[in-house]
Amino acid sequence: MQFTIDNRDNIVIFSLKNTTVESKLPQNLKLNCSYWLSLDIDALILDLTNVQAIDSSGLGALLLAHRQLKEHSIPVILVGVQEFVMSLMNMTRIDELFRIL
């Protein structure tokens, strides 16, 4: 899984570079969520601009990030969500948990 992480004024931007999101994302997000909590960040932005397809483990990783950070009142914001990914999120109602820009 290819990604970049940028921290700007206590807002972490996690940009996925792959066009598909599969089983490795949950491992990366879980490790990074613990690290971000130690930094006391104000928000997490997940940039999904490059992501054209996502599987159930990828959706589960989004839920994991939301759940872990919500416990600390840290919002998870999704940006650049492509049409196919958005349709899956709509079908599973995951879209209702996130602020999507």
C-alpha atoms as a PDB file:
ATOM      1  CA  MET A   1       0.000   0.000   0.000  1.00  0.00           C
ATOM      2  CA  GLN A   2       1.471   3.323  -1.026  1.00  0.00           C
ATOM      3  CA  PHE A   3       0.588   6.464   0.877  1.00  0.00           C
ATOM      4  CA  THR A   4       1.933   9.753   2.145  1.00  0.00           C
ATOM      5  CA  ILE A   5       1.368  11.353   5.520  1.00  0.00           C
ATOM      6  CA  ASP A   6       1.519  15.079   6.073  1.00  0.00           C
ATOM      7  CA  ASN A   7       0.938  16.896   9.370  1.00  0.00           C
ATOM      8  CA  ARG A   8      -0.169  20.501   8.974  1.00  0.00           C
ATOM      9  CA  ASP A   9      -1.090  22.482  12.071  1.00  0.00           C
ATOM     10  CA  ASN A  10      -2.188  19.333  13.976  1.00  0.00           C
ATOM     11  CA  ILE A  11      -4.260  18.074  11.041  1.00  0.00           C
ATOM     12  CA  VAL A  12      -2.949  14.829   9.555  1.00  0.00           C
ATOM     13  CA  ILE A  13      -3.486  14.246   5.832  1.00  0.00           C
ATOM     14  CA  PHE A  14      -3.220  10.554   4.908  1.00  0.00           C
ATOM     15  CA  SER A  15      -3.141  10.337   1.092  1.00  0.00           C
ATOM     16  CA  LEU A  16      -3.557   6.947  -0.519  1.00  0.00           C
ATOM     17  CA  LYS A  17      -1.630   6.546  -3.777  1.00  0.00           C
ATOM     18  CA  ASN A  18      -3.001   3.170  -4.910  1.00  0.00           C
ATOM     19  CA  THR A  19      -5.995   2.916  -7.234  1.00  0.00           C
ATOM     20  CA  THR A  20      -7.337  -0.062  -5.283  1.00  0.00           C
ATOM     21  CA  VAL A  21      -7.558  -0.448  -1.521  1.00  0.00           C
ATOM     22  CA  GLU A  22      -7.305  -3.974  -0.209  1.00  0.00           C
ATOM     23  CA  SER A  23      -6.204  -5.961   2.810  1.00  0.00           C
ATOM     24  CA  LYS A  24      -2.981  -4.074   3.703  1.00  0.00           C
ATOM     25  CA  LEU A  25      -4.752  -0.804   4.498  1.00  0.00           C
ATOM     26  CA  PRO A  26      -6.207  -1.934   7.845  1.00  0.00           C
ATOM     27  CA  GLN A  27      -2.729  -2.774   9.150  1.00  0.00           C
ATOM     28  CA  ASN A  28      -1.318   0.599   8.082  1.00  0.00           C
ATOM     29  CA  LEU A  29      -4.264   2.572   9.446  1.00  0.00           C
ATOM     30  CA  LYS A  30      -4.272   0.736  12.763  1.00  0.00           C
ATOM     31  CA  LEU A  31      -0.594   1.453  13.325  1.00  0.00           C
ATOM     32  CA  ASN A  32      -0.942   5.072  12.284  1.00  0.00           C
ATOM     33  CA  CYS A  33      -4.090   5.728  14.349  1.00  0.00           C
ATOM     34  CA  SER A  34      -2.218   4.817  17.506  1.00  0.00           C
ATOM     35  CA  TYR A  35       0.614   7.128  16.503  1.00  0.00           C
ATOM     36  CA  TRP A  36      -1.734  10.024  15.657  1.00  0.00           C
ATOM     37  CA  LEU A  37      -3.450   9.713  19.021  1.00  0.00           C
ATOM     38  CA  SER A  38      -0.081  10.147  20.696  1.00  0.00           C
ATOM     39  CA  LEU A  39       0.378  13.404  18.745  1.00  0.00           C
ATOM     40  CA  ASP A  40      -2.936  14.802  19.992  1.00  0.00           C
ATOM     41  CA  ILE A  41      -4.111  15.809  16.510  1.00  0.00           C
ATOM     42  CA  ASP A  42      -7.194  17.922  15.778  1.00  0.00           C
ATOM     43  CA  ALA A  43      -8.425  15.997  12.700  1.00  0.00           C
ATOM     44  CA  LEU A  44      -7.560  13.267  10.221  1.00  0.00           C
ATOM     45  CA  ILE A  45      -8.117  13.826   6.523  1.00  0.00           C
ATOM     46  CA  LEU A  46      -8.128  10.693   4.380  1.00  0.00           C
ATOM     47  CA  ASP A  47      -7.431  11.661   0.773  1.00  0.00           C
ATOM     48  CA  LEU A  48      -9.007   9.025  -1.475  1.00  0.00           C
ATOM     49  CA  THR A  49      -8.567  10.926  -4.753  1.00  0.00           C
ATOM     50  CA  ASN A  50      -6.561   8.117  -6.403  1.00  0.00           C
ATOM     51  CA  VAL A  51      -8.738   5.271  -5.108  1.00  0.00           C
ATOM     52  CA  GLN A  52     -11.000   3.824  -7.800  1.00  0.00           C
ATOM     53  CA  ALA A  53     -11.983   0.606  -5.976  1.00  0.00           C
ATOM     54  CA  ILE A  54     -12.118  -0.565  -2.367  1.00  0.00           C
ATOM     55  CA  ASP A  55     -12.887  -3.963  -0.855  1.00  0.00           C
ATOM     56  CA  SER A  56     -14.577  -4.880   2.419  1.00  0.00           C
ATOM     57  CA  SER A  57     -11.313  -4.803   4.374  1.00  0.00           C
ATOM     58  CA  GLY A  58     -10.671  -1.294   3.067  1.00  0.00           C
ATOM     59  CA  LEU A  59     -14.132  -0.181   4.192  1.00  0.00           C
ATOM     60  CA  GLY A  60     -13.438  -1.870   7.510  1.00  0.00           C
ATOM     61  CA  ALA A  61     -10.216   0.144   7.825  1.00  0.00           C
ATOM     62  CA  LEU A  62     -12.175   3.367   7.366  1.00  0.00           C
ATOM     63  CA  LEU A  63     -14.553   2.253  10.118  1.00  0.00           C
ATOM     64  CA  LEU A  64     -11.614   1.360  12.356  1.00  0.00           C
ATOM     65  CA  ALA A  65     -10.063   4.799  11.935  1.00  0.00           C
ATOM     66  CA  HIS A  66     -13.425   6.435  12.619  1.00  0.00           C
ATOM     67  CA  ARG A  67     -14.039   4.344  15.739  1.00  0.00           C
ATOM     68  CA  GLN A  68     -10.580   4.801  17.239  1.00  0.00           C
ATOM     69  CA  LEU A  69     -10.409   8.533  16.665  1.00  0.00           C
ATOM     70  CA  LYS A  70     -14.035   9.232  17.586  1.00  0.00           C
ATOM     71  CA  GLU A  71     -13.287   7.997  21.120  1.00  0.00           C
ATOM     72  CA  HIS A  72     -10.930  10.981  21.384  1.00  0.00           C
ATOM     73  CA  SER A  73     -13.253  13.452  19.620  1.00  0.00           C
ATOM     74  CA  ILE A  74     -11.013  13.582  16.545  1.00  0.00           C
ATOM     75  CA  PRO A  75     -12.999  13.865  13.300  1.00  0.00           C
ATOM     76  CA  VAL A  76     -12.131  11.760  10.251  1.00  0.00           C
ATOM     77  CA  ILE A  77     -12.800  13.659   7.036  1.00  0.00           C
ATOM     78  CA  LEU A  78     -12.813  11.991   3.611  1.00  0.00           C
ATOM     79  CA  VAL A  79     -11.827  13.943   0.506  1.00  0.00           C
ATOM     80  CA  GLY A  80     -11.706  12.993  -3.154  1.00  0.00           C
ATOM     81  CA  VAL A  81     -14.069  10.029  -2.842  1.00  0.00           C
ATOM     82  CA  GLN A  82     -14.608   8.608  -6.335  1.00  0.00           C
ATOM     83  CA  GLU A  83     -18.013   7.542  -7.664  1.00  0.00           C
ATOM     84  CA  PHE A  84     -17.597   3.761  -7.263  1.00  0.00           C
ATOM     85  CA  VAL A  85     -16.217   4.064  -3.742  1.00  0.00           C
ATOM     86  CA  MET A  86     -19.004   6.490  -2.822  1.00  0.00           C
ATOM     87  CA  SER A  87     -21.644   4.079  -4.112  1.00  0.00           C
ATOM     88  CA  LEU A  88     -20.246   1.297  -1.889  1.00  0.00           C
ATOM     89  CA  MET A  89     -20.176   3.643   1.062  1.00  0.00           C
ATOM     90  CA  ASN A  90     -23.789   4.643   0.352  1.00  0.00           C
ATOM     91  CA  MET A  91     -24.936   1.010   0.115  1.00  0.00           C
ATOM     92  CA  THR A  92     -23.324   0.134   3.431  1.00  0.00           C
ATOM     93  CA  ARG A  93     -24.307   3.466   5.029  1.00  0.00           C
ATOM     94  CA  ILE A  94     -20.723   4.091   6.027  1.00  0.00           C
ATOM     95  CA  ASP A  95     -21.001   7.502   4.380  1.00  0.00           C
ATOM     96  CA  GLU A  96     -23.230   8.644   7.248  1.00  0.00           C
ATOM     97  CA  LEU A  97     -20.335   8.370   9.716  1.00  0.00           C
ATOM     98  CA  PHE A  98     -17.940  10.688   7.910  1.00  0.00           C
ATOM     99  CA  ARG A  99     -17.754  14.240   6.770  1.00  0.00           C
ATOM    100  CA  ILE A 100     -17.110  13.905   3.028  1.00  0.00           C
ATOM    101  CA  LEU A 101     -15.735  16.796   1.002  1.00  0.00           C
END
